[in-house]
Every structure is written in C-alpha cells, then in structure tokens.
Amino acid sequence: MSRTLIKNVNIDEAMEICKRTVEMGMQPMVVIHTCVIEAYLKFGKTKCALEAYWGMLAAGVAPNSYTYTVLVKGLTADPNFFGEAKKCLLEMMEKGLRPNAATYTAVIESFAKQGDNASEEECKELVDVMISKGFVPNAKAMMEVLMGRPKPVIREIMNIVLSKLKG
C-alpha cells in the first residue's frame, strides 16, 4: 500500500498529515490508515482512498468517527462515489457512531445535486433509514453547513429532509 501512496501523492505532505494526526493521541493503527485515506482524498484519488479503507477493514482495524467523517466527505466530493458515501454513513451509524451535521449533509447534498426523481427518492429513503436508526437530522445545523451554497440546492436538500421529519 505504501508504494502505491508514494507513486500517487506527495509523500512529504502525506507524512505531515500523518504526523499531525498521531500528535492528537489517537490509536496508532487507526491513525495510520486514516492518514492514508486522507492523503489519497487530498490528492483527488478517491478510488485509492476507498481501497485503502477496504484494506483497513481487511486488516481488522476498526474505523472511528474521524475516519468515517474523512471518508464520507471525501467520497461525496466525487459524483462517482456518492453511493459508497451513503453506505459508509449507514455503516457508521450501525456501529453506534454519530455523524456530525457536515457529514450527513454532504451525503444528502450529493443525492440532491443529481436533480432527478430517482436520486431524490433514494435520498428520502436514506433519511428514513437514519431516523429508523434513532438519528434525526438537525435542520438548523444543516442550514449552517449549507450556508453559501446556491439557494436551489439548499431548498432541495431541506425539502427532502423536512418532508421526512414532518411525516
């Protein structure tokens, strides 16, 4: 894995990211894997980041909230991976980890930006699943996250979420 990382990213920058994360006092194996994922995402290597995540799981290393946050937000930045972001968000919640507003809003936004009925319905189903797992999206926190986005995008996202919160 490290040879691939060296070929695809600036290793000095990747190591600096890892060093800063280790200094936070997190568990070393989680830190190392999360650093690799974060470095791949920083350099636009979304598929490599996802593969690094799968490698982390295969190595028996349990992701923490920060790992999921980095991964989910990174996956939503690439329109080819928003389905994977949804899976990771749900996996995070299944493990009892609570996503912050920026994390779940990124997933909801990625669906809303698709602009088609199928994506909207899938997004509504996601919100239903979140609620069924005992996690109710916070509309006020979402509005803070969405500040500065185009108004039609904000309206679409909030319509989806509020339709499920009212129902």
N, C-alpha and C. Protein backbone atom coordinates (compact mmCIF):
# COMPACT_ATOMS: atom_id res chain seq x y z
N MET A 1 0.83 -1.19 0.00
CA MET A 1 0.00 0.00 0.00
C MET A 1 0.87 1.25 0.00
N SER A 2 1.97 1.27 0.76
CA SER A 2 2.77 2.48 0.85
C SER A 2 3.45 2.81 -0.47
N ARG A 3 3.82 1.78 -1.27
CA ARG A 3 4.42 2.07 -2.58
C ARG A 3 3.43 2.77 -3.49
N THR A 4 2.19 2.34 -3.44
CA THR A 4 1.15 2.98 -4.24
C THR A 4 0.97 4.42 -3.79
N LEU A 5 0.96 4.65 -2.48
CA LEU A 5 0.81 6.00 -1.96
C LEU A 5 1.94 6.89 -2.44
N ILE A 6 3.18 6.36 -2.41
CA ILE A 6 4.34 7.15 -2.84
C ILE A 6 4.22 7.51 -4.31
N LYS A 7 3.72 6.61 -5.14
CA LYS A 7 3.59 6.88 -6.56
C LYS A 7 2.52 7.93 -6.86
N ASN A 8 1.46 7.98 -6.05
CA ASN A 8 0.30 8.79 -6.38
C ASN A 8 0.21 10.13 -5.68
N VAL A 9 0.96 10.35 -4.61
CA VAL A 9 0.84 11.60 -3.88
C VAL A 9 2.21 12.12 -3.46
N ASN A 10 2.25 13.33 -3.01
CA ASN A 10 3.46 13.92 -2.46
C ASN A 10 3.66 13.31 -1.07
N ILE A 11 4.65 12.46 -0.94
CA ILE A 11 4.82 11.70 0.30
C ILE A 11 5.14 12.61 1.47
N ASP A 12 5.87 13.70 1.24
CA ASP A 12 6.18 14.61 2.34
C ASP A 12 4.90 15.20 2.93
N GLU A 13 3.98 15.60 2.06
CA GLU A 13 2.72 16.15 2.54
C GLU A 13 1.89 15.09 3.25
N ALA A 14 1.87 13.88 2.69
CA ALA A 14 1.12 12.80 3.31
C ALA A 14 1.68 12.48 4.69
N MET A 15 2.99 12.46 4.81
CA MET A 15 3.61 12.17 6.11
C MET A 15 3.33 13.29 7.12
N GLU A 16 3.27 14.53 6.66
CA GLU A 16 2.95 15.63 7.56
C GLU A 16 1.53 15.48 8.10
N ILE A 17 0.61 15.08 7.23
CA ILE A 17 -0.77 14.84 7.66
C ILE A 17 -0.77 13.75 8.72
N CYS A 18 -0.04 12.66 8.48
CA CYS A 18 0.01 11.55 9.44
C CYS A 18 0.63 11.99 10.75
N LYS A 19 1.70 12.75 10.67
CA LYS A 19 2.39 13.22 11.88
C LYS A 19 1.45 14.06 12.75
N ARG A 20 0.72 14.98 12.12
CA ARG A 20 -0.21 15.82 12.87
C ARG A 20 -1.30 14.99 13.52
N THR A 21 -1.78 13.97 12.83
CA THR A 21 -2.84 13.14 13.37
C THR A 21 -2.34 12.31 14.55
N VAL A 22 -1.12 11.75 14.45
CA VAL A 22 -0.55 10.97 15.54
C VAL A 22 -0.37 11.85 16.78
N GLU A 23 0.00 13.11 16.57
CA GLU A 23 0.19 14.02 17.69
C GLU A 23 -1.10 14.27 18.47
N MET A 24 -2.24 13.99 17.85
CA MET A 24 -3.52 14.17 18.54
C MET A 24 -3.77 13.07 19.57
N GLY A 25 -2.95 12.02 19.58
CA GLY A 25 -3.08 10.98 20.58
C GLY A 25 -4.09 9.90 20.26
N MET A 26 -4.42 9.70 18.99
CA MET A 26 -5.38 8.67 18.62
C MET A 26 -4.67 7.31 18.57
N GLN A 27 -5.44 6.25 18.44
CA GLN A 27 -4.87 4.92 18.35
C GLN A 27 -4.02 4.81 17.08
N PRO A 28 -2.81 4.33 17.20
CA PRO A 28 -1.88 4.33 16.07
C PRO A 28 -2.36 3.66 14.79
N MET A 29 -2.92 2.45 14.84
CA MET A 29 -3.32 1.80 13.59
C MET A 29 -4.46 2.55 12.91
N VAL A 30 -5.41 3.03 13.68
CA VAL A 30 -6.50 3.81 13.11
C VAL A 30 -5.92 5.08 12.47
N VAL A 31 -4.98 5.69 13.16
CA VAL A 31 -4.36 6.92 12.67
C VAL A 31 -3.65 6.69 11.34
N ILE A 32 -2.87 5.65 11.28
CA ILE A 32 -2.10 5.39 10.06
C ILE A 32 -3.03 5.15 8.88
N HIS A 33 -4.02 4.30 9.06
CA HIS A 33 -4.96 4.02 7.96
C HIS A 33 -5.74 5.28 7.58
N THR A 34 -6.18 6.02 8.56
CA THR A 34 -6.94 7.24 8.28
C THR A 34 -6.07 8.25 7.55
N CYS A 35 -4.81 8.34 7.93
CA CYS A 35 -3.88 9.26 7.25
C CYS A 35 -3.74 8.91 5.77
N VAL A 36 -3.64 7.63 5.50
CA VAL A 36 -3.51 7.19 4.11
C VAL A 36 -4.77 7.57 3.34
N ILE A 37 -5.92 7.30 3.92
CA ILE A 37 -7.20 7.65 3.28
C ILE A 37 -7.27 9.15 3.05
N GLU A 38 -6.93 9.91 4.06
CA GLU A 38 -6.98 11.37 3.97
C GLU A 38 -6.02 11.91 2.90
N ALA A 39 -4.83 11.32 2.83
CA ALA A 39 -3.85 11.75 1.83
C ALA A 39 -4.36 11.46 0.42
N TYR A 40 -4.90 10.27 0.21
CA TYR A 40 -5.46 9.96 -1.11
C TYR A 40 -6.55 10.97 -1.49
N LEU A 41 -7.44 11.24 -0.56
CA LEU A 41 -8.53 12.17 -0.85
C LEU A 41 -8.02 13.58 -1.13
N LYS A 42 -7.01 13.98 -0.38
CA LYS A 42 -6.44 15.32 -0.58
C LYS A 42 -5.91 15.49 -1.99
N PHE A 43 -5.41 14.40 -2.56
CA PHE A 43 -4.85 14.46 -3.90
C PHE A 43 -5.81 13.95 -4.98
N GLY A 44 -7.09 13.86 -4.63
CA GLY A 44 -8.11 13.52 -5.61
C GLY A 44 -8.13 12.06 -6.04
N LYS A 45 -7.56 11.18 -5.25
CA LYS A 45 -7.51 9.75 -5.56
C LYS A 45 -8.60 9.02 -4.79
N THR A 46 -9.85 9.30 -5.16
CA THR A 46 -11.00 8.78 -4.42
C THR A 46 -11.04 7.25 -4.41
N LYS A 47 -10.82 6.65 -5.55
CA LYS A 47 -10.86 5.18 -5.62
C LYS A 47 -9.77 4.57 -4.74
N CYS A 48 -8.59 5.17 -4.75
CA CYS A 48 -7.50 4.67 -3.90
C CYS A 48 -7.86 4.82 -2.42
N ALA A 49 -8.52 5.91 -2.07
CA ALA A 49 -8.95 6.12 -0.68
C ALA A 49 -9.93 5.03 -0.25
N LEU A 50 -10.86 4.71 -1.12
CA LEU A 50 -11.83 3.67 -0.82
C LEU A 50 -11.14 2.31 -0.69
N GLU A 51 -10.19 2.05 -1.55
CA GLU A 51 -9.43 0.80 -1.47
C GLU A 51 -8.61 0.75 -0.18
N ALA A 52 -8.06 1.89 0.23
CA ALA A 52 -7.31 1.94 1.49
C ALA A 52 -8.25 1.66 2.66
N TYR A 53 -9.46 2.16 2.58
CA TYR A 53 -10.46 1.89 3.62
C TYR A 53 -10.77 0.40 3.68
N TRP A 54 -10.99 -0.21 2.53
CA TRP A 54 -11.26 -1.65 2.50
C TRP A 54 -10.07 -2.42 3.06
N GLY A 55 -8.85 -1.96 2.76
CA GLY A 55 -7.65 -2.59 3.31
C GLY A 55 -7.61 -2.47 4.82
N MET A 56 -8.05 -1.34 5.32
CA MET A 56 -8.12 -1.11 6.76
C MET A 56 -9.05 -2.14 7.40
N LEU A 57 -10.21 -2.31 6.81
CA LEU A 57 -11.18 -3.28 7.33
C LEU A 57 -10.61 -4.70 7.25
N ALA A 58 -9.97 -5.02 6.13
CA ALA A 58 -9.38 -6.35 5.95
C ALA A 58 -8.29 -6.63 6.98
N ALA A 59 -7.60 -5.56 7.40
CA ALA A 59 -6.54 -5.71 8.40
C ALA A 59 -7.11 -5.80 9.82
N GLY A 60 -8.42 -5.70 9.94
CA GLY A 60 -9.06 -5.80 11.25
C GLY A 60 -9.01 -4.52 12.07
N VAL A 61 -8.75 -3.41 11.40
CA VAL A 61 -8.70 -2.13 12.10
C VAL A 61 -10.08 -1.48 12.01
N ALA A 62 -10.66 -1.17 13.15
CA ALA A 62 -11.99 -0.57 13.20
C ALA A 62 -11.89 0.94 12.98
N PRO A 63 -12.63 1.46 12.01
CA PRO A 63 -12.63 2.91 11.80
C PRO A 63 -13.30 3.62 12.96
N ASN A 64 -12.87 4.84 13.22
CA ASN A 64 -13.51 5.65 14.25
C ASN A 64 -14.33 6.75 13.58
N SER A 65 -14.92 7.62 14.36
CA SER A 65 -15.77 8.69 13.81
C SER A 65 -15.00 9.57 12.84
N TYR A 66 -13.76 9.88 13.19
CA TYR A 66 -12.96 10.74 12.32
C TYR A 66 -12.69 10.06 10.98
N THR A 67 -12.37 8.77 11.01
CA THR A 67 -12.13 8.02 9.77
C THR A 67 -13.36 8.09 8.88
N TYR A 68 -14.52 7.81 9.46
CA TYR A 68 -15.75 7.86 8.67
C TYR A 68 -16.03 9.26 8.14
N THR A 69 -15.80 10.27 8.95
CA THR A 69 -16.05 11.64 8.53
C THR A 69 -15.18 12.00 7.33
N VAL A 70 -13.91 11.69 7.43
CA VAL A 70 -12.98 11.97 6.32
C VAL A 70 -13.41 11.22 5.07
N LEU A 71 -13.70 9.95 5.24
CA LEU A 71 -14.05 9.12 4.09
C LEU A 71 -15.37 9.56 3.45
N VAL A 72 -16.39 9.74 4.24
CA VAL A 72 -17.71 10.11 3.70
C VAL A 72 -17.63 11.44 2.97
N LYS A 73 -17.03 12.44 3.60
CA LYS A 73 -16.93 13.75 2.95
C LYS A 73 -16.10 13.66 1.67
N GLY A 74 -15.04 12.88 1.70
CA GLY A 74 -14.21 12.71 0.51
C GLY A 74 -14.93 12.00 -0.62
N LEU A 75 -15.70 10.98 -0.27
CA LEU A 75 -16.45 10.24 -1.29
C LEU A 75 -17.53 11.11 -1.92
N THR A 76 -18.16 11.97 -1.13
CA THR A 76 -19.22 12.82 -1.69
C THR A 76 -18.65 13.90 -2.61
N ALA A 77 -17.38 14.18 -2.51
CA ALA A 77 -16.76 15.18 -3.38
C ALA A 77 -16.62 14.68 -4.81
N ASP A 78 -16.73 13.38 -5.01
CA ASP A 78 -16.63 12.78 -6.34
C ASP A 78 -17.99 12.18 -6.69
N PRO A 79 -18.66 12.71 -7.73
CA PRO A 79 -20.01 12.24 -8.06
C PRO A 79 -20.10 10.74 -8.38
N ASN A 80 -18.97 10.11 -8.67
CA ASN A 80 -18.97 8.68 -8.96
C ASN A 80 -19.04 7.82 -7.70
N PHE A 81 -18.92 8.45 -6.53
CA PHE A 81 -18.81 7.68 -5.30
C PHE A 81 -19.86 8.04 -4.24
N PHE A 82 -20.89 8.77 -4.60
CA PHE A 82 -21.85 9.16 -3.55
C PHE A 82 -22.63 7.96 -3.02
N GLY A 83 -22.79 6.91 -3.81
CA GLY A 83 -23.42 5.68 -3.32
C GLY A 83 -22.57 5.02 -2.25
N GLU A 84 -21.26 5.03 -2.44
CA GLU A 84 -20.34 4.49 -1.44
C GLU A 84 -20.36 5.34 -0.18
N ALA A 85 -20.49 6.66 -0.36
CA ALA A 85 -20.57 7.57 0.80
C ALA A 85 -21.79 7.22 1.64
N LYS A 86 -22.90 6.95 0.97
CA LYS A 86 -24.13 6.57 1.68
C LYS A 86 -23.91 5.28 2.47
N LYS A 87 -23.27 4.29 1.86
CA LYS A 87 -23.00 3.02 2.54
C LYS A 87 -22.14 3.25 3.78
N CYS A 88 -21.12 4.07 3.64
CA CYS A 88 -20.23 4.34 4.78
C CYS A 88 -20.95 5.10 5.89
N LEU A 89 -21.81 6.03 5.51
CA LEU A 89 -22.59 6.77 6.51
C LEU A 89 -23.48 5.81 7.30
N LEU A 90 -24.16 4.92 6.60
CA LEU A 90 -25.03 3.96 7.27
C LEU A 90 -24.23 2.98 8.13
N GLU A 91 -23.07 2.57 7.62
CA GLU A 91 -22.20 1.69 8.39
C GLU A 91 -21.75 2.38 9.68
N MET A 92 -21.43 3.66 9.56
CA MET A 92 -21.02 4.44 10.73
C MET A 92 -22.12 4.42 11.79
N MET A 93 -23.34 4.68 11.36
CA MET A 93 -24.46 4.71 12.29
C MET A 93 -24.76 3.32 12.86
N GLU A 94 -24.60 2.27 12.05
CA GLU A 94 -24.83 0.91 12.53
C GLU A 94 -23.86 0.54 13.65
N LYS A 95 -22.68 1.14 13.62
CA LYS A 95 -21.67 0.88 14.65
C LYS A 95 -21.86 1.78 15.87
N GLY A 96 -22.94 2.56 15.87
CA GLY A 96 -23.23 3.42 17.01
C GLY A 96 -22.47 4.73 17.02
N LEU A 97 -21.81 5.06 15.93
CA LEU A 97 -21.09 6.32 15.83
C LEU A 97 -22.02 7.38 15.26
N ARG A 98 -22.01 8.57 15.83
CA ARG A 98 -22.92 9.63 15.42
C ARG A 98 -22.25 10.58 14.44
N PRO A 99 -22.74 10.64 13.21
CA PRO A 99 -22.15 11.58 12.25
C PRO A 99 -22.51 13.02 12.62
N ASN A 100 -21.60 13.93 12.34
CA ASN A 100 -21.91 15.34 12.58
C ASN A 100 -22.74 15.87 11.40
N ALA A 101 -23.25 17.07 11.55
CA ALA A 101 -24.13 17.66 10.52
C ALA A 101 -23.44 17.78 9.17
N ALA A 102 -22.16 18.14 9.18
CA ALA A 102 -21.44 18.29 7.91
C ALA A 102 -21.32 16.96 7.18
N THR A 103 -21.18 15.88 7.92
CA THR A 103 -21.01 14.56 7.31
C THR A 103 -22.31 14.08 6.67
N TYR A 104 -23.40 14.07 7.42
CA TYR A 104 -24.64 13.58 6.81
C TYR A 104 -25.21 14.55 5.79
N THR A 105 -24.95 15.84 5.98
CA THR A 105 -25.42 16.82 4.99
C THR A 105 -24.70 16.63 3.67
N ALA A 106 -23.42 16.28 3.71
CA ALA A 106 -22.66 16.05 2.47
C ALA A 106 -23.28 14.91 1.67
N VAL A 107 -23.71 13.86 2.35
CA VAL A 107 -24.32 12.72 1.64
C VAL A 107 -25.68 13.13 1.07
N ILE A 108 -26.48 13.78 1.87
CA ILE A 108 -27.79 14.22 1.39
C ILE A 108 -27.63 15.18 0.22
N GLU A 109 -26.68 16.10 0.32
CA GLU A 109 -26.42 17.06 -0.75
C GLU A 109 -25.99 16.36 -2.04
N SER A 110 -25.18 15.32 -1.92
CA SER A 110 -24.72 14.62 -3.12
C SER A 110 -25.89 13.99 -3.88
N PHE A 111 -26.89 13.51 -3.16
CA PHE A 111 -28.08 12.97 -3.82
C PHE A 111 -28.93 14.09 -4.41
N ALA A 112 -29.11 15.15 -3.65
CA ALA A 112 -29.95 16.27 -4.10
C ALA A 112 -29.38 16.92 -5.37
N LYS A 113 -28.07 16.97 -5.48
CA LYS A 113 -27.44 17.59 -6.65
C LYS A 113 -27.67 16.80 -7.93
N GLN A 114 -28.05 15.54 -7.81
CA GLN A 114 -28.30 14.73 -9.01
C GLN A 114 -29.49 15.27 -9.80
N GLY A 115 -30.43 15.85 -9.08
CA GLY A 115 -31.54 16.53 -9.73
C GLY A 115 -32.55 15.65 -10.42
N ASP A 116 -32.58 14.37 -10.12
CA ASP A 116 -33.58 13.50 -10.74
C ASP A 116 -34.45 12.86 -9.66
N ASN A 117 -35.60 12.40 -10.08
CA ASN A 117 -36.57 11.83 -9.13
C ASN A 117 -36.04 10.59 -8.42
N ALA A 118 -35.31 9.75 -9.13
CA ALA A 118 -34.78 8.52 -8.51
C ALA A 118 -33.81 8.86 -7.38
N SER A 119 -32.94 9.83 -7.61
CA SER A 119 -31.98 10.24 -6.57
C SER A 119 -32.70 10.87 -5.39
N GLU A 120 -33.72 11.66 -5.68
CA GLU A 120 -34.50 12.28 -4.60
C GLU A 120 -35.17 11.21 -3.74
N GLU A 121 -35.75 10.20 -4.39
CA GLU A 121 -36.41 9.12 -3.65
C GLU A 121 -35.40 8.33 -2.83
N GLU A 122 -34.23 8.07 -3.41
CA GLU A 122 -33.19 7.34 -2.67
C GLU A 122 -32.73 8.15 -1.47
N CYS A 123 -32.66 9.45 -1.64
CA CYS A 123 -32.27 10.33 -0.53
C CYS A 123 -33.33 10.32 0.56
N LYS A 124 -34.58 10.34 0.18
CA LYS A 124 -35.66 10.27 1.18
C LYS A 124 -35.60 8.95 1.94
N GLU A 125 -35.29 7.88 1.22
CA GLU A 125 -35.15 6.57 1.88
C GLU A 125 -33.98 6.60 2.87
N LEU A 126 -32.89 7.26 2.49
CA LEU A 126 -31.74 7.40 3.38
C LEU A 126 -32.14 8.12 4.66
N VAL A 127 -32.87 9.20 4.53
CA VAL A 127 -33.32 9.95 5.71
C VAL A 127 -34.24 9.08 6.56
N ASP A 128 -35.11 8.31 5.92
CA ASP A 128 -35.97 7.37 6.66
C ASP A 128 -35.14 6.36 7.46
N VAL A 129 -34.12 5.82 6.82
CA VAL A 129 -33.26 4.84 7.49
C VAL A 129 -32.53 5.49 8.66
N MET A 130 -32.03 6.70 8.44
CA MET A 130 -31.36 7.42 9.52
C MET A 130 -32.29 7.58 10.72
N ILE A 131 -33.52 7.99 10.44
CA ILE A 131 -34.50 8.19 11.51
C ILE A 131 -34.83 6.87 12.20
N SER A 132 -34.96 5.79 11.40
CA SER A 132 -35.27 4.48 11.99
C SER A 132 -34.14 3.97 12.89
N LYS A 133 -32.93 4.45 12.66
CA LYS A 133 -31.78 4.07 13.49
C LYS A 133 -31.65 5.00 14.70
N GLY A 134 -32.65 5.89 14.86
CA GLY A 134 -32.64 6.79 16.00
C GLY A 134 -31.84 8.05 15.79
N PHE A 135 -31.50 8.33 14.55
CA PHE A 135 -30.72 9.52 14.26
C PHE A 135 -31.57 10.49 13.44
N VAL A 136 -31.98 11.57 14.05
CA VAL A 136 -32.81 12.56 13.36
C VAL A 136 -31.92 13.71 12.91
N PRO A 137 -31.87 13.98 11.60
CA PRO A 137 -31.07 15.10 11.12
C PRO A 137 -31.51 16.42 11.76
N ASN A 138 -30.56 17.24 12.09
CA ASN A 138 -30.81 18.54 12.71
C ASN A 138 -30.88 19.60 11.61
N ALA A 139 -32.09 20.08 11.33
CA ALA A 139 -32.30 21.03 10.24
C ALA A 139 -31.51 22.33 10.44
N LYS A 140 -31.46 22.82 11.66
CA LYS A 140 -30.73 24.06 11.94
C LYS A 140 -29.23 23.88 11.67
N ALA A 141 -28.67 22.78 12.14
CA ALA A 141 -27.24 22.51 11.91
C ALA A 141 -26.97 22.33 10.41
N MET A 142 -27.91 21.71 9.72
CA MET A 142 -27.74 21.53 8.27
C MET A 142 -27.72 22.87 7.56
N MET A 143 -28.58 23.78 7.97
CA MET A 143 -28.61 25.12 7.36
C MET A 143 -27.27 25.83 7.55
N GLU A 144 -26.66 25.66 8.70
CA GLU A 144 -25.34 26.26 8.94
C GLU A 144 -24.30 25.66 8.01
N VAL A 145 -24.35 24.35 7.81
CA VAL A 145 -23.42 23.67 6.91
C VAL A 145 -23.62 24.14 5.47
N LEU A 146 -24.87 24.34 5.10
CA LEU A 146 -25.20 24.69 3.71
C LEU A 146 -25.04 26.18 3.39
N MET A 147 -24.72 26.97 4.38
CA MET A 147 -24.58 28.41 4.17
C MET A 147 -23.61 28.68 3.00
N GLY A 148 -24.04 29.52 2.09
CA GLY A 148 -23.21 29.87 0.94
C GLY A 148 -23.45 29.02 -0.29
N ARG A 149 -24.18 27.91 -0.16
CA ARG A 149 -24.50 27.08 -1.31
C ARG A 149 -25.58 27.78 -2.12
N PRO A 150 -25.74 27.42 -3.39
CA PRO A 150 -26.82 28.00 -4.19
C PRO A 150 -28.18 27.70 -3.57
N LYS A 151 -29.06 28.71 -3.59
CA LYS A 151 -30.37 28.57 -2.95
C LYS A 151 -31.19 27.39 -3.46
N PRO A 152 -31.18 27.10 -4.76
CA PRO A 152 -31.96 25.93 -5.21
C PRO A 152 -31.47 24.61 -4.59
N VAL A 153 -30.16 24.50 -4.38
CA VAL A 153 -29.60 23.29 -3.77
C VAL A 153 -30.05 23.21 -2.31
N ILE A 154 -29.96 24.33 -1.59
CA ILE A 154 -30.38 24.36 -0.19
C ILE A 154 -31.86 24.00 -0.08
N ARG A 155 -32.66 24.60 -0.95
CA ARG A 155 -34.11 24.35 -0.93
C ARG A 155 -34.41 22.88 -1.17
N GLU A 156 -33.74 22.29 -2.15
CA GLU A 156 -33.97 20.87 -2.47
C GLU A 156 -33.60 19.99 -1.27
N ILE A 157 -32.45 20.23 -0.68
CA ILE A 157 -32.00 19.43 0.46
C ILE A 157 -32.96 19.55 1.62
N MET A 158 -33.32 20.77 1.94
CA MET A 158 -34.20 20.99 3.09
C MET A 158 -35.60 20.44 2.84
N ASN A 159 -36.07 20.52 1.60
CA ASN A 159 -37.37 19.94 1.28
C ASN A 159 -37.37 18.43 1.50
N ILE A 160 -36.30 17.78 1.09
CA ILE A 160 -36.20 16.33 1.28
C ILE A 160 -36.22 15.99 2.76
N VAL A 161 -35.36 16.65 3.52
CA VAL A 161 -35.22 16.33 4.93
C VAL A 161 -36.49 16.70 5.70
N LEU A 162 -36.99 17.89 5.47
CA LEU A 162 -38.18 18.32 6.22
C LEU A 162 -39.41 17.49 5.88
N SER A 163 -39.50 17.00 4.64
CA SER A 163 -40.64 16.15 4.29
C SER A 163 -40.63 14.87 5.12
N LYS A 164 -39.46 14.39 5.47
CA LYS A 164 -39.35 13.18 6.27
C LYS A 164 -39.50 13.45 7.77
N LEU A 165 -39.07 14.63 8.19
CA LEU A 165 -39.18 14.97 9.60
C LEU A 165 -40.62 15.25 10.00
N LYS A 166 -41.39 15.79 9.06
CA LYS A 166 -42.80 16.10 9.33
C LYS A 166 -43.64 14.83 9.28
N GLY A 167 -43.24 13.91 8.38
CA GLY A 167 -44.05 12.71 8.15
C GLY A 167 -43.82 11.72 9.20
